[in-house]
PDB file of N, CA and C in Angstrom:
ATOM      1  N   UNK A   1       0.844  -1.193   0.000  1.00  0.00           N
ATOM      2  CA  UNK A   1       0.000   0.000   0.000  1.00  0.00           C
ATOM      3  C   UNK A   1       0.885   1.251   0.000  1.00  0.00           C
ATOM      4  N   UNK A   2       0.605   2.174  -0.892  1.00  0.00           N
ATOM      5  CA  UNK A   2       1.381   3.406  -0.927  1.00  0.00           C
ATOM      6  C   UNK A   2       0.739   4.437   0.000  1.00  0.00           C
ATOM      7  N   UNK A   3       1.589   5.188   0.649  1.00  0.00           N
ATOM      8  CA  UNK A   3       1.118   6.228   1.550  1.00  0.00           C
ATOM      9  C   UNK A   3       0.778   7.469   0.739  1.00  0.00           C
ATOM     10  N   UNK A   4      -0.393   8.037   0.992  1.00  0.00           N
ATOM     11  CA  UNK A   4      -0.764   9.275   0.326  1.00  0.00           C
ATOM     12  C   UNK A   4       0.159  10.376   0.813  1.00  0.00           C
ATOM     13  N   UNK A   5       0.682  11.149  -0.136  1.00  0.00           N
ATOM     14  CA  UNK A   5       1.577  12.246   0.206  1.00  0.00           C
ATOM     15  C   UNK A   5       0.834  13.567   0.029  1.00  0.00           C
ATOM     16  N   UNK A   6       1.046  14.455   1.001  1.00  0.00           N
ATOM     17  CA  UNK A   6       0.389  15.757   0.983  1.00  0.00           C
ATOM     18  C   UNK A   6       1.419  16.863   1.040  1.00  0.00           C
ATOM     19  N   UNK A   7       1.006  18.032   0.562  1.00  0.00           N
ATOM     20  CA  UNK A   7       1.749  19.264   0.793  1.00  0.00           C
ATOM     21  C   UNK A   7       0.722  20.271   1.294  1.00  0.00           C
ATOM     22  N   UNK A   8       0.975  20.855   2.448  1.00  0.00           N
ATOM     23  CA  UNK A   8       0.025  21.765   3.083  1.00  0.00           C
ATOM     24  C   UNK A   8       0.469  23.207   2.868  1.00  0.00           C
ATOM     25  N   UNK A   9      -0.425  24.009   2.342  1.00  0.00           N
ATOM     26  CA  UNK A   9      -0.192  25.418   2.056  1.00  0.00           C
ATOM     27  C   UNK A   9       0.103  26.177   3.358  1.00  0.00           C
ATOM     28  N   UNK A  10       0.613  27.401   3.235  1.00  0.00           N
ATOM     29  CA  UNK A  10       0.943  28.211   4.414  1.00  0.00           C
ATOM     30  C   UNK A  10      -0.289  28.505   5.269  1.00  0.00           C
ATOM     31  N   UNK A  11      -1.476  28.492   4.652  1.00  0.00           N
ATOM     32  CA  UNK A  11      -2.688  28.840   5.386  1.00  0.00           C
ATOM     33  C   UNK A  11      -3.341  27.637   6.078  1.00  0.00           C
ATOM     34  N   UNK A  12      -2.727  26.483   5.982  1.00  0.00           N
ATOM     35  CA  UNK A  12      -3.249  25.292   6.653  1.00  0.00           C
ATOM     36  C   UNK A  12      -2.689  25.262   8.076  1.00  0.00           C
ATOM     37  N   UNK A  13      -3.572  25.092   9.029  1.00  0.00           N
ATOM     38  CA  UNK A  13      -3.205  25.179  10.428  1.00  0.00           C
ATOM     39  C   UNK A  13      -2.380  23.971  10.894  1.00  0.00           C
ATOM     40  N   UNK A  14      -1.475  24.236  11.835  1.00  0.00           N
ATOM     41  CA  UNK A  14      -0.582  23.192  12.361  1.00  0.00           C
ATOM     42  C   UNK A  14      -1.336  21.963  12.880  1.00  0.00           C
ATOM     43  N   UNK A  15      -2.460  22.087  13.594  1.00  0.00           N
ATOM     44  CA  UNK A  15      -3.135  20.868  14.069  1.00  0.00           C
ATOM     45  C   UNK A  15      -3.530  19.913  12.933  1.00  0.00           C
ATOM     46  N   UNK A  16      -3.815  20.440  11.767  1.00  0.00           N
ATOM     47  CA  UNK A  16      -4.151  19.589  10.620  1.00  0.00           C
ATOM     48  C   UNK A  16      -2.902  18.839  10.158  1.00  0.00           C
ATOM     49  N   UNK A  17      -1.788  19.553  10.052  1.00  0.00           N
ATOM     50  CA  UNK A  17      -0.522  18.937   9.660  1.00  0.00           C
ATOM     51  C   UNK A  17      -0.101  17.896  10.691  1.00  0.00           C
ATOM     52  N   UNK A  18      -0.230  18.234  11.974  1.00  0.00           N
ATOM     53  CA  UNK A  18       0.128  17.301  13.048  1.00  0.00           C
ATOM     54  C   UNK A  18      -0.720  16.031  12.977  1.00  0.00           C
ATOM     55  N   UNK A  19      -2.017  16.188  12.739  1.00  0.00           N
ATOM     56  CA  UNK A  19      -2.905  15.030  12.645  1.00  0.00           C
ATOM     57  C   UNK A  19      -2.447  14.100  11.512  1.00  0.00           C
ATOM     58  N   UNK A  20      -2.170  14.672  10.342  1.00  0.00           N
ATOM     59  CA  UNK A  20      -1.740  13.864   9.207  1.00  0.00           C
ATOM     60  C   UNK A  20      -0.434  13.133   9.506  1.00  0.00           C
ATOM     61  N   UNK A  21       0.525  13.848  10.075  1.00  0.00           N
ATOM     62  CA  UNK A  21       1.823  13.262  10.409  1.00  0.00           C
ATOM     63  C   UNK A  21       1.660  12.135  11.424  1.00  0.00           C
ATOM     64  N   UNK A  22       0.883  12.391  12.466  1.00  0.00           N
ATOM     65  CA  UNK A  22       0.667  11.387  13.521  1.00  0.00           C
ATOM     66  C   UNK A  22      -0.037  10.139  12.994  1.00  0.00           C
ATOM     67  N   UNK A  23      -0.758  10.272  11.885  1.00  0.00           N
ATOM     68  CA  UNK A  23      -1.485   9.138  11.331  1.00  0.00           C
ATOM     69  C   UNK A  23      -0.762   8.505  10.132  1.00  0.00           C
ATOM     70  N   UNK A  24       0.535   8.777  10.025  1.00  0.00           N
ATOM     71  CA  UNK A  24       1.368   8.071   9.069  1.00  0.00           C
ATOM     72  C   UNK A  24       1.430   8.638   7.664  1.00  0.00           C
ATOM     73  N   UNK A  25       0.838   9.807   7.451  1.00  0.00           N
ATOM     74  CA  UNK A  25       0.896  10.413   6.125  1.00  0.00           C
ATOM     75  C   UNK A  25       2.218  11.154   5.949  1.00  0.00           C
ATOM     76  N   UNK A  26       2.702  11.183   4.736  1.00  0.00           N
ATOM     77  CA  UNK A  26       3.901  11.921   4.366  1.00  0.00           C
ATOM     78  C   UNK A  26       3.439  13.349   4.044  1.00  0.00           C
ATOM     79  N   UNK A  27       3.813  14.302   4.897  1.00  0.00           N
ATOM     80  CA  UNK A  27       3.320  15.676   4.754  1.00  0.00           C
ATOM     81  C   UNK A  27       4.474  16.670   4.745  1.00  0.00           C
ATOM     82  N   UNK A  28       4.435  17.571   3.767  1.00  0.00           N
ATOM     83  CA  UNK A  28       5.324  18.734   3.764  1.00  0.00           C
ATOM     84  C   UNK A  28       4.452  19.930   4.093  1.00  0.00           C
ATOM     85  N   UNK A  29       4.894  20.738   5.055  1.00  0.00           N
ATOM     86  CA  UNK A  29       4.145  21.942   5.430  1.00  0.00           C
ATOM     87  C   UNK A  29       4.955  23.142   4.968  1.00  0.00           C
ATOM     88  N   UNK A  30       4.395  23.933   4.099  1.00  0.00           N
ATOM     89  CA  UNK A  30       5.117  25.036   3.464  1.00  0.00           C
ATOM     90  C   UNK A  30       5.767  26.014   4.454  1.00  0.00           C
ATOM     91  N   UNK A  31       5.150  26.353   5.600  1.00  0.00           N
ATOM     92  CA  UNK A  31       5.853  27.249   6.535  1.00  0.00           C
ATOM     93  C   UNK A  31       7.218  26.715   6.987  1.00  0.00           C
ATOM     94  N   UNK A  32       7.440  25.401   6.896  1.00  0.00           N
ATOM     95  CA  UNK A  32       8.748  24.843   7.230  1.00  0.00           C
ATOM     96  C   UNK A  32       9.779  25.108   6.134  1.00  0.00           C
ATOM     97  N   UNK A  33       9.324  25.567   4.966  1.00  0.00           N
ATOM     98  CA  UNK A  33      10.212  25.745   3.818  1.00  0.00           C
ATOM     99  C   UNK A  33      10.278  27.185   3.336  1.00  0.00           C
ATOM    100  N   UNK A  34       9.123  27.754   2.963  1.00  0.00           N
ATOM    101  CA  UNK A  34       9.119  29.081   2.350  1.00  0.00           C
ATOM    102  C   UNK A  34       7.719  29.686   2.434  1.00  0.00           C
ATOM    103  N   UNK A  35       7.518  30.602   3.363  1.00  0.00           N
ATOM    104  CA  UNK A  35       6.197  31.225   3.554  1.00  0.00           C
ATOM    105  C   UNK A  35       5.831  32.197   2.436  1.00  0.00           C
ATOM    106  N   UNK A  36       6.786  32.566   1.616  1.00  0.00           N
ATOM    107  CA  UNK A  36       6.544  33.525   0.540  1.00  0.00           C
ATOM    108  C   UNK A  36       6.339  32.849  -0.822  1.00  0.00           C
ATOM    109  N   UNK A  37       6.208  31.547  -0.844  1.00  0.00           N
ATOM    110  CA  UNK A  37       6.115  30.811  -2.101  1.00  0.00           C
ATOM    111  C   UNK A  37       4.876  31.237  -2.902  1.00  0.00           C
ATOM    112  N   UNK A  38       5.033  31.340  -4.200  1.00  0.00           N
ATOM    113  CA  UNK A  38       3.916  31.679  -5.081  1.00  0.00           C
ATOM    114  C   UNK A  38       3.050  30.442  -5.295  1.00  0.00           C
ATOM    115  N   UNK A  39       1.756  30.663  -5.524  1.00  0.00           N
ATOM    116  CA  UNK A  39       0.839  29.544  -5.733  1.00  0.00           C
ATOM    117  C   UNK A  39       1.299  28.649  -6.880  1.00  0.00           C
ATOM    118  N   UNK A  40       1.773  29.250  -7.974  1.00  0.00           N
ATOM    119  CA  UNK A  40       2.224  28.463  -9.130  1.00  0.00           C
ATOM    120  C   UNK A  40       3.396  27.565  -8.759  1.00  0.00           C
ATOM    121  N   UNK A  41       4.315  28.099  -7.935  1.00  0.00           N
ATOM    122  CA  UNK A  41       5.482  27.315  -7.518  1.00  0.00           C
ATOM    123  C   UNK A  41       5.068  26.184  -6.574  1.00  0.00           C
ATOM    124  N   UNK A  42       4.128  26.461  -5.708  1.00  0.00           N
ATOM    125  CA  UNK A  42       3.618  25.434  -4.795  1.00  0.00           C
ATOM    126  C   UNK A  42       2.970  24.302  -5.590  1.00  0.00           C
ATOM    127  N   UNK A  43       2.193  24.660  -6.574  1.00  0.00           N
ATOM    128  CA  UNK A  43       1.544  23.664  -7.427  1.00  0.00           C
ATOM    129  C   UNK A  43       2.590  22.848  -8.198  1.00  0.00           C
ATOM    130  N   UNK A  44       3.629  23.505  -8.648  1.00  0.00           N
ATOM    131  CA  UNK A  44       4.712  22.824  -9.373  1.00  0.00           C
ATOM    132  C   UNK A  44       5.393  21.782  -8.466  1.00  0.00           C
ATOM    133  N   UNK A  45       5.671  22.156  -7.220  1.00  0.00           N
ATOM    134  CA  UNK A  45       6.289  21.224  -6.269  1.00  0.00           C
ATOM    135  C   UNK A  45       5.353  20.045  -6.001  1.00  0.00           C
ATOM    136  N   UNK A  46       4.084  20.350  -5.784  1.00  0.00           N
ATOM    137  CA  UNK A  46       3.101  19.291  -5.520  1.00  0.00           C
ATOM    138  C   UNK A  46       3.066  18.303  -6.681  1.00  0.00           C
ATOM    139  N   UNK A  47       3.064  18.805  -7.898  1.00  0.00           N
ATOM    140  CA  UNK A  47       3.034  17.939  -9.078  1.00  0.00           C
ATOM    141  C   UNK A  47       4.310  17.123  -9.214  1.00  0.00           C
ATOM    142  N   UNK A  48       5.444  17.781  -9.048  1.00  0.00           N
ATOM    143  CA  UNK A  48       6.735  17.110  -9.192  1.00  0.00           C
ATOM    144  C   UNK A  48       6.883  15.969  -8.192  1.00  0.00           C
ATOM    145  N   UNK A  49       6.433  16.207  -6.952  1.00  0.00           N
ATOM    146  CA  UNK A  49       6.577  15.206  -5.893  1.00  0.00           C
ATOM    147  C   UNK A  49       5.341  14.325  -5.745  1.00  0.00           C
ATOM    148  N   UNK A  50       4.373  14.514  -6.637  1.00  0.00           N
ATOM    149  CA  UNK A  50       3.115  13.754  -6.615  1.00  0.00           C
ATOM    150  C   UNK A  50       2.436  13.817  -5.244  1.00  0.00           C
ATOM    151  N   UNK A  51       2.288  15.049  -4.782  1.00  0.00           N
ATOM    152  CA  UNK A  51       1.631  15.305  -3.496  1.00  0.00           C
ATOM    153  C   UNK A  51       0.279  15.957  -3.739  1.00  0.00           C
ATOM    154  N   UNK A  52      -0.667  15.642  -2.885  1.00  0.00           N
ATOM    155  CA  UNK A  52      -1.976  16.284  -2.926  1.00  0.00           C
ATOM    156  C   UNK A  52      -1.884  17.557  -2.101  1.00  0.00           C
ATOM    157  N   UNK A  53      -2.261  18.658  -2.707  1.00  0.00           N
ATOM    158  CA  UNK A  53      -2.182  19.960  -2.051  1.00  0.00           C
ATOM    159  C   UNK A  53      -3.402  20.177  -1.168  1.00  0.00           C
ATOM    160  N   UNK A  54      -3.165  20.555   0.079  1.00  0.00           N
ATOM    161  CA  UNK A  54      -4.242  20.944   0.993  1.00  0.00           C
ATOM    162  C   UNK A  54      -4.138  22.450   1.186  1.00  0.00           C
ATOM    163  N   UNK A  55      -5.256  23.154   1.007  1.00  0.00           N
ATOM    164  CA  UNK A  55      -5.232  24.613   1.088  1.00  0.00           C
ATOM    165  C   UNK A  55      -6.576  25.163   1.552  1.00  0.00           C
ATOM    166  N   UNK A  56      -6.543  26.387   2.031  1.00  0.00           N
ATOM    167  CA  UNK A  56      -7.754  27.161   2.323  1.00  0.00           C
ATOM    168  C   UNK A  56      -7.937  28.251   1.264  1.00  0.00           C
ATOM    169  N   UNK A  57      -7.083  28.241   0.244  1.00  0.00           N
ATOM    170  CA  UNK A  57      -6.999  29.314  -0.751  1.00  0.00           C
ATOM    171  C   UNK A  57      -7.750  28.938  -2.033  1.00  0.00           C
ATOM    172  N   UNK A  58      -8.865  29.619  -2.274  1.00  0.00           N
ATOM    173  CA  UNK A  58      -9.673  29.284  -3.454  1.00  0.00           C
ATOM    174  C   UNK A  58      -9.037  29.741  -4.764  1.00  0.00           C
ATOM    175  N   UNK A  59      -7.928  30.484  -4.709  1.00  0.00           N
ATOM    176  CA  UNK A  59      -7.215  30.885  -5.933  1.00  0.00           C
ATOM    177  C   UNK A  59      -6.726  29.679  -6.726  1.00  0.00           C
ATOM    178  N   UNK A  60      -6.545  28.538  -6.061  1.00  0.00           N
ATOM    179  CA  UNK A  60      -6.081  27.351  -6.779  1.00  0.00           C
ATOM    180  C   UNK A  60      -7.137  26.863  -7.763  1.00  0.00           C
ATOM    181  N   UNK A  61      -8.392  27.164  -7.513  1.00  0.00           N
ATOM    182  CA  UNK A  61      -9.440  26.829  -8.474  1.00  0.00           C
ATOM    183  C   UNK A  61      -9.197  27.524  -9.800  1.00  0.00           C
ATOM    184  N   UNK A  62      -8.792  28.780  -9.744  1.00  0.00           N
ATOM    185  CA  UNK A  62      -8.496  29.526 -10.970  1.00  0.00           C
ATOM    186  C   UNK A  62      -7.293  28.926 -11.694  1.00  0.00           C
ATOM    187  N   UNK A  63      -6.252  28.584 -10.942  1.00  0.00           N
ATOM    188  CA  UNK A  63      -5.062  28.001 -11.568  1.00  0.00           C
ATOM    189  C   UNK A  63      -5.396  26.684 -12.278  1.00  0.00           C
ATOM    190  N   UNK A  64      -6.240  25.901 -11.661  1.00  0.00           N
ATOM    191  CA  UNK A  64      -6.564  24.582 -12.208  1.00  0.00           C
ATOM    192  C   UNK A  64      -7.576  24.685 -13.354  1.00  0.00           C
ATOM    193  N   UNK A  65      -8.657  25.395 -13.132  1.00  0.00           N
ATOM    194  CA  UNK A  65      -9.758  25.360 -14.095  1.00  0.00           C
ATOM    195  C   UNK A  65      -9.677  26.429 -15.186  1.00  0.00           C
ATOM    196  N   UNK A  66      -9.150  27.610 -14.868  1.00  0.00           N
ATOM    197  CA  UNK A  66      -9.058  28.659 -15.882  1.00  0.00           C
ATOM    198  C   UNK A  66      -7.717  28.649 -16.607  1.00  0.00           C
ATOM    199  N   UNK A  67      -6.637  28.454 -15.855  1.00  0.00           N
ATOM    200  CA  UNK A  67      -5.314  28.465 -16.474  1.00  0.00           C
ATOM    201  C   UNK A  67      -4.855  27.065 -16.880  1.00  0.00           C
ATOM    202  N   UNK A  68      -5.666  26.060 -16.570  1.00  0.00           N
ATOM    203  CA  UNK A  68      -5.390  24.672 -16.972  1.00  0.00           C
ATOM    204  C   UNK A  68      -4.065  24.127 -16.446  1.00  0.00           C
ATOM    205  N   UNK A  69      -3.672  24.562 -15.251  1.00  0.00           N
ATOM    206  CA  UNK A  69      -2.470  24.006 -14.619  1.00  0.00           C
ATOM    207  C   UNK A  69      -2.838  22.622 -14.091  1.00  0.00           C
ATOM    208  N   UNK A  70      -2.019  21.657 -14.365  1.00  0.00           N
ATOM    209  CA  UNK A  70      -2.320  20.294 -13.935  1.00  0.00           C
ATOM    210  C   UNK A  70      -1.978  20.102 -12.465  1.00  0.00           C
ATOM    211  N   UNK A  71      -2.591  19.108 -11.864  1.00  0.00           N
ATOM    212  CA  UNK A  71      -2.367  18.849 -10.451  1.00  0.00           C
ATOM    213  C   UNK A  71      -2.536  17.372 -10.154  1.00  0.00           C
ATOM    214  N   UNK A  72      -1.782  16.895  -9.159  1.00  0.00           N
ATOM    215  CA  UNK A  72      -1.944  15.533  -8.660  1.00  0.00           C
ATOM    216  C   UNK A  72      -3.287  15.417  -7.943  1.00  0.00           C
ATOM    217  N   UNK A  73      -3.675  16.498  -7.281  1.00  0.00           N
ATOM    218  CA  UNK A  73      -4.932  16.556  -6.548  1.00  0.00           C
ATOM    219  C   UNK A  73      -4.893  17.736  -5.592  1.00  0.00           C
ATOM    220  N   UNK A  74      -6.059  18.269  -5.304  1.00  0.00           N
ATOM    221  CA  UNK A  74      -6.161  19.409  -4.389  1.00  0.00           C
ATOM    222  C   UNK A  74      -7.334  19.181  -3.450  1.00  0.00           C
ATOM    223  N   UNK A  75      -7.114  19.506  -2.185  1.00  0.00           N
ATOM    224  CA  UNK A  75      -8.199  19.531  -1.204  1.00  0.00           C
ATOM    225  C   UNK A  75      -8.345  20.987  -0.782  1.00  0.00           C
ATOM    226  N   UNK A  76      -9.464  21.585  -1.134  1.00  0.00           N
ATOM    227  CA  UNK A  76      -9.765  22.970  -0.761  1.00  0.00           C
ATOM    228  C   UNK A  76     -10.746  22.933   0.404  1.00  0.00           C
ATOM    229  N   UNK A  77     -10.330  23.498   1.521  1.00  0.00           N
ATOM    230  CA  UNK A  77     -11.179  23.523   2.719  1.00  0.00           C
ATOM    231  C   UNK A  77     -11.884  24.869   2.789  1.00  0.00           C
ATOM    232  N   UNK A  78     -13.222  24.852   2.705  1.00  0.00           N
ATOM    233  CA  UNK A  78     -14.031  26.075   2.741  1.00  0.00           C
ATOM    234  C   UNK A  78     -15.048  25.943   3.883  1.00  0.00           C
ATOM    235  N   UNK A  79     -14.626  26.230   5.081  1.00  0.00           N
ATOM    236  CA  UNK A  79     -15.465  26.076   6.264  1.00  0.00           C
ATOM    237  C   UNK A  79     -15.832  27.452   6.807  1.00  0.00           C
ATOM    238  N   UNK A  80     -17.124  27.680   7.004  1.00  0.00           N
ATOM    239  CA  UNK A  80     -17.560  28.949   7.600  1.00  0.00           C
ATOM    240  C   UNK A  80     -16.981  29.074   9.002  1.00  0.00           C
ATOM    241  N   UNK A  81     -16.483  30.255   9.309  1.00  0.00           N
ATOM    242  CA  UNK A  81     -15.925  30.500  10.638  1.00  0.00           C
ATOM    243  C   UNK A  81     -14.486  30.052  10.762  1.00  0.00           C
ATOM    244  N   UNK A  82     -14.024  29.230   9.818  1.00  0.00           N
ATOM    245  CA  UNK A  82     -12.628  28.801   9.776  1.00  0.00           C
ATOM    246  C   UNK A  82     -12.140  28.115  11.060  1.00  0.00           C
ATOM    247  N   UNK A  83     -13.035  27.445  11.785  1.00  0.00           N
ATOM    248  CA  UNK A  83     -12.610  26.765  13.017  1.00  0.00           C
ATOM    249  C   UNK A  83     -11.809  25.515  12.700  1.00  0.00           C
ATOM    250  N   UNK A  84     -10.612  25.437  13.290  1.00  0.00           N
ATOM    251  CA  UNK A  84      -9.714  24.312  13.027  1.00  0.00           C
ATOM    252  C   UNK A  84     -10.373  22.991  13.418  1.00  0.00           C
ATOM    253  N   UNK A  85     -11.101  22.984  14.516  1.00  0.00           N
ATOM    254  CA  UNK A  85     -11.763  21.767  14.976  1.00  0.00           C
ATOM    255  C   UNK A  85     -12.729  21.231  13.914  1.00  0.00           C
ATOM    256  N   UNK A  86     -13.476  22.130  13.282  1.00  0.00           N
ATOM    257  CA  UNK A  86     -14.408  21.728  12.233  1.00  0.00           C
ATOM    258  C   UNK A  86     -13.662  21.231  10.992  1.00  0.00           C
ATOM    259  N   UNK A  87     -12.591  21.919  10.636  1.00  0.00           N
ATOM    260  CA  UNK A  87     -11.796  21.510   9.473  1.00  0.00           C
ATOM    261  C   UNK A  87     -11.223  20.114   9.681  1.00  0.00           C
ATOM    262  N   UNK A  88     -10.701  19.888  10.864  1.00  0.00           N
ATOM    263  CA  UNK A  88     -10.094  18.601  11.183  1.00  0.00           C
ATOM    264  C   UNK A  88     -11.127  17.474  11.155  1.00  0.00           C
ATOM    265  N   UNK A  89     -12.292  17.730  11.693  1.00  0.00           N
ATOM    266  CA  UNK A  89     -13.370  16.722  11.700  1.00  0.00           C
ATOM    267  C   UNK A  89     -13.749  16.331  10.271  1.00  0.00           C
ATOM    268  N   UNK A  90     -13.894  17.314   9.405  1.00  0.00           N
ATOM    269  CA  UNK A  90     -14.283  17.048   8.029  1.00  0.00           C
ATOM    270  C   UNK A  90     -13.148  16.411   7.215  1.00  0.00           C
ATOM    271  N   UNK A  91     -11.925  16.796   7.505  1.00  0.00           N
ATOM    272  CA  UNK A  91     -10.786  16.175   6.824  1.00  0.00           C
ATOM    273  C   UNK A  91     -10.678  14.699   7.220  1.00  0.00           C
ATOM    274  N   UNK A  92     -10.874  14.405   8.493  1.00  0.00           N
ATOM    275  CA  UNK A  92     -10.861  13.006   8.951  1.00  0.00           C
ATOM    276  C   UNK A  92     -11.930  12.199   8.218  1.00  0.00           C
ATOM    277  N   UNK A  93     -13.116  12.766   8.076  1.00  0.00           N
ATOM    278  CA  UNK A  93     -14.203  12.099   7.351  1.00  0.00           C
ATOM    279  C   UNK A  93     -13.784  11.827   5.910  1.00  0.00           C
ATOM    280  N   UNK A  94     -13.189  12.819   5.270  1.00  0.00           N
ATOM    281  CA  UNK A  94     -12.728  12.666   3.901  1.00  0.00           C
ATOM    282  C   UNK A  94     -11.727  11.520   3.790  1.00  0.00           C
ATOM    283  N   UNK A  95     -10.740  11.493   4.666  1.00  0.00           N
ATOM    284  CA  UNK A  95      -9.692  10.479   4.600  1.00  0.00           C
ATOM    285  C   UNK A  95     -10.223   9.084   4.928  1.00  0.00           C
ATOM    286  N   UNK A  96     -11.173   8.996   5.856  1.00  0.00           N
ATOM    287  CA  UNK A  96     -11.727   7.688   6.246  1.00  0.00           C
ATOM    288  C   UNK A  96     -12.608   7.100   5.158  1.00  0.00           C
ATOM    289  N   UNK A  97     -13.378   7.929   4.487  1.00  0.00           N
ATOM    290  CA  UNK A  97     -14.390   7.415   3.563  1.00  0.00           C
ATOM    291  C   UNK A  97     -14.045   7.568   2.076  1.00  0.00           C
ATOM    292  N   UNK A  98     -13.164   8.491   1.749  1.00  0.00           N
ATOM    293  CA  UNK A  98     -12.933   8.801   0.340  1.00  0.00           C
ATOM    294  C   UNK A  98     -11.459   8.862  -0.051  1.00  0.00           C
ATOM    295  N   UNK A  99     -10.590   8.224   0.685  1.00  0.00           N
ATOM    296  CA  UNK A  99      -9.150   8.356   0.414  1.00  0.00           C
ATOM    297  C   UNK A  99      -8.767   7.914  -0.993  1.00  0.00           C
ATOM    298  N   UNK A 100      -9.507   7.010  -1.584  1.00  0.00           N
ATOM    299  CA  UNK A 100      -9.210   6.523  -2.943  1.00  0.00           C
ATOM    300  C   UNK A 100      -9.592   7.556  -4.016  1.00  0.00           C
ATOM    301  N   UNK A 101     -10.372   8.573  -3.641  1.00  0.00           N
ATOM    302  CA  UNK A 101     -10.833   9.571  -4.617  1.00  0.00           C
ATOM    303  C   UNK A 101     -10.032  10.877  -4.572  1.00  0.00           C
ATOM    304  N   UNK A 102      -8.913  10.896  -3.881  1.00  0.00           N
ATOM    305  CA  UNK A 102      -8.161  12.146  -3.745  1.00  0.00           C
ATOM    306  C   UNK A 102      -7.278  12.440  -4.954  1.00  0.00           C
ATOM    307  N   UNK A 103      -6.605  11.436  -5.453  1.00  0.00           N
ATOM    308  CA  UNK A 103      -5.702  11.634  -6.588  1.00  0.00           C
ATOM    309  C   UNK A 103      -6.520  11.987  -7.827  1.00  0.00           C
ATOM    310  N   UNK A 104      -6.018  12.972  -8.564  1.00  0.00           N
ATOM    311  CA  UNK A 104      -6.662  13.451  -9.794  1.00  0.00           C
ATOM    312  C   UNK A 104      -8.053  14.041  -9.577  1.00  0.00           C
ATOM    313  N   UNK A 105      -8.278  14.592  -8.392  1.00  0.00           N
ATOM    314  CA  UNK A 105      -9.543  15.278  -8.105  1.00  0.00           C
ATOM    315  C   UNK A 105      -9.271  16.618  -7.429  1.00  0.00           C
ATOM    316  N   UNK A 106     -10.136  17.550  -7.709  1.00  0.00           N
ATOM    317  CA  UNK A 106     -10.190  18.820  -6.978  1.00  0.00           C
ATOM    318  C   UNK A 106     -11.322  18.612  -5.975  1.00  0.00           C
ATOM    319  N   UNK A 107     -10.974  18.491  -4.705  1.00  0.00           N
ATOM    320  CA  UNK A 107     -11.953  18.174  -3.669  1.00  0.00           C
ATOM    321  C   UNK A 107     -12.250  19.447  -2.882  1.00  0.00           C
ATOM    322  N   UNK A 108     -13.532  19.765  -2.756  1.00  0.00           N
ATOM    323  CA  UNK A 108     -13.942  20.934  -1.978  1.00  0.00           C
ATOM    324  C   UNK A 108     -14.701  20.434  -0.758  1.00  0.00           C
ATOM    325  N   UNK A 109     -14.186  20.769   0.417  1.00  0.00           N
ATOM    326  CA  UNK A 109     -14.839  20.395   1.674  1.00  0.00           C
ATOM    327  C   UNK A 109     -15.550  21.623   2.222  1.00  0.00           C
ATOM    328  N   UNK A 110     -16.855  21.500   2.449  1.00  0.00           N
ATOM    329  CA  UNK A 110     -17.618  22.570   3.098  1.00  0.00           C
ATOM    330  C   UNK A 110     -18.336  21.972   4.307  1.00  0.00           C
ATOM    331  N   UNK A 111     -19.025  22.827   5.052  1.00  0.00           N
ATOM    332  CA  UNK A 111     -19.794  22.361   6.209  1.00  0.00           C
ATOM    333  C   UNK A 111     -20.835  21.330   5.805  1.00  0.00           C
ATOM    334  N   UNK A 112     -21.387  21.490   4.621  1.00  0.00           N
ATOM    335  CA  UNK A 112     -22.534  20.687   4.208  1.00  0.00           C
ATOM    336  C   UNK A 112     -22.199  19.488   3.329  1.00  0.00           C
ATOM    337  N   UNK A 113     -21.086  19.562   2.584  1.00  0.00           N
ATOM    338  CA  UNK A 113     -20.795  18.454   1.672  1.00  0.00           C
ATOM    339  C   UNK A 113     -19.329  18.407   1.277  1.00  0.00           C
ATOM    340  N   UNK A 114     -18.972  17.282   0.668  1.00  0.00           N
ATOM    341  CA  UNK A 114     -17.654  17.100   0.068  1.00  0.00           C
ATOM    342  C   UNK A 114     -17.900  16.891  -1.420  1.00  0.00           C
ATOM    343  N   UNK A 115     -17.289  17.740  -2.225  1.00  0.00           N
ATOM    344  CA  UNK A 115     -17.502  17.695  -3.675  1.00  0.00           C
ATOM    345  C   UNK A 115     -16.214  17.256  -4.376  1.00  0.00           C
ATOM    346  N   UNK A 116     -16.344  16.332  -5.316  1.00  0.00           N
ATOM    347  CA  UNK A 116     -15.203  15.811  -6.067  1.00  0.00           C
ATOM    348  C   UNK A 116     -15.342  16.228  -7.536  1.00  0.00           C
ATOM    349  N   UNK A 117     -14.342  16.935  -8.035  1.00  0.00           N
ATOM    350  CA  UNK A 117     -14.333  17.347  -9.435  1.00  0.00           C
ATOM    351  C   UNK A 117     -13.152  16.646 -10.093  1.00  0.00           C
ATOM    352  N   UNK A 118     -13.408  15.730 -11.034  1.00  0.00           N
ATOM    353  CA  UNK A 118     -12.296  15.014 -11.682  1.00  0.00           C
ATOM    354  C   UNK A 118     -11.412  15.989 -12.463  1.00  0.00           C
ATOM    355  N   UNK A 119     -10.122  15.863 -12.272  1.00  0.00           N
ATOM    356  CA  UNK A 119      -9.187  16.762 -12.961  1.00  0.00           C
ATOM    357  C   UNK A 119      -8.934  16.325 -14.397  1.00  0.00           C
ATOM    358  N   UNK A 120      -9.241  15.097 -14.726  1.00  0.00           N
ATOM    359  CA  UNK A 120      -9.064  14.649 -16.114  1.00  0.00           C
ATOM    360  C   UNK A 120      -9.933  15.477 -17.057  1.00  0.00           C
ATOM    361  N   UNK A 121     -11.038  15.986 -16.553  1.00  0.00           N
ATOM    362  CA  UNK A 121     -11.987  16.739 -17.374  1.00  0.00           C
ATOM    363  C   UNK A 121     -11.438  18.086 -17.851  1.00  0.00           C
ATOM    364  N   UNK A 122     -10.368  18.579 -17.249  1.00  0.00           N
ATOM    365  CA  UNK A 122      -9.897  19.917 -17.589  1.00  0.00           C
ATOM    366  C   UNK A 122      -8.743  19.936 -18.579  1.00  0.00           C
ATOM    367  N   UNK A 123      -8.230  18.795 -18.925  1.00  0.00           N
ATOM    368  CA  UNK A 123      -7.047  18.765 -19.817  1.00  0.00           C
ATOM    369  C   UNK A 123      -7.389  19.245 -21.196  1.00  0.00           C
TER     370      UNK A 123
END
């Protein structure tokens, strides 16, 4: 079994990164490397290392769908109130029930639903 690899954007909270690390996931957290990294460069690293990008930044939707930048996969967390506890609960649900659907998908997590958009459709 291969371990899912993630790269967490600067806006992803430490408790989320800690949870992933503690549960055996291979995670790179951008604040450990370069807090000034451009979105395009972050996406390039994620693709090169075949990591799924976790972010709170909806600008990645534009990079993927309008500019047609390819991606291994993206998890966009859009939670009202931005409470880390809520984000973590929903991320755990995603990983427990849908881990096979992360690669090659743009996943949007909200309070009400988890939406999967296949990235093959944008090529």
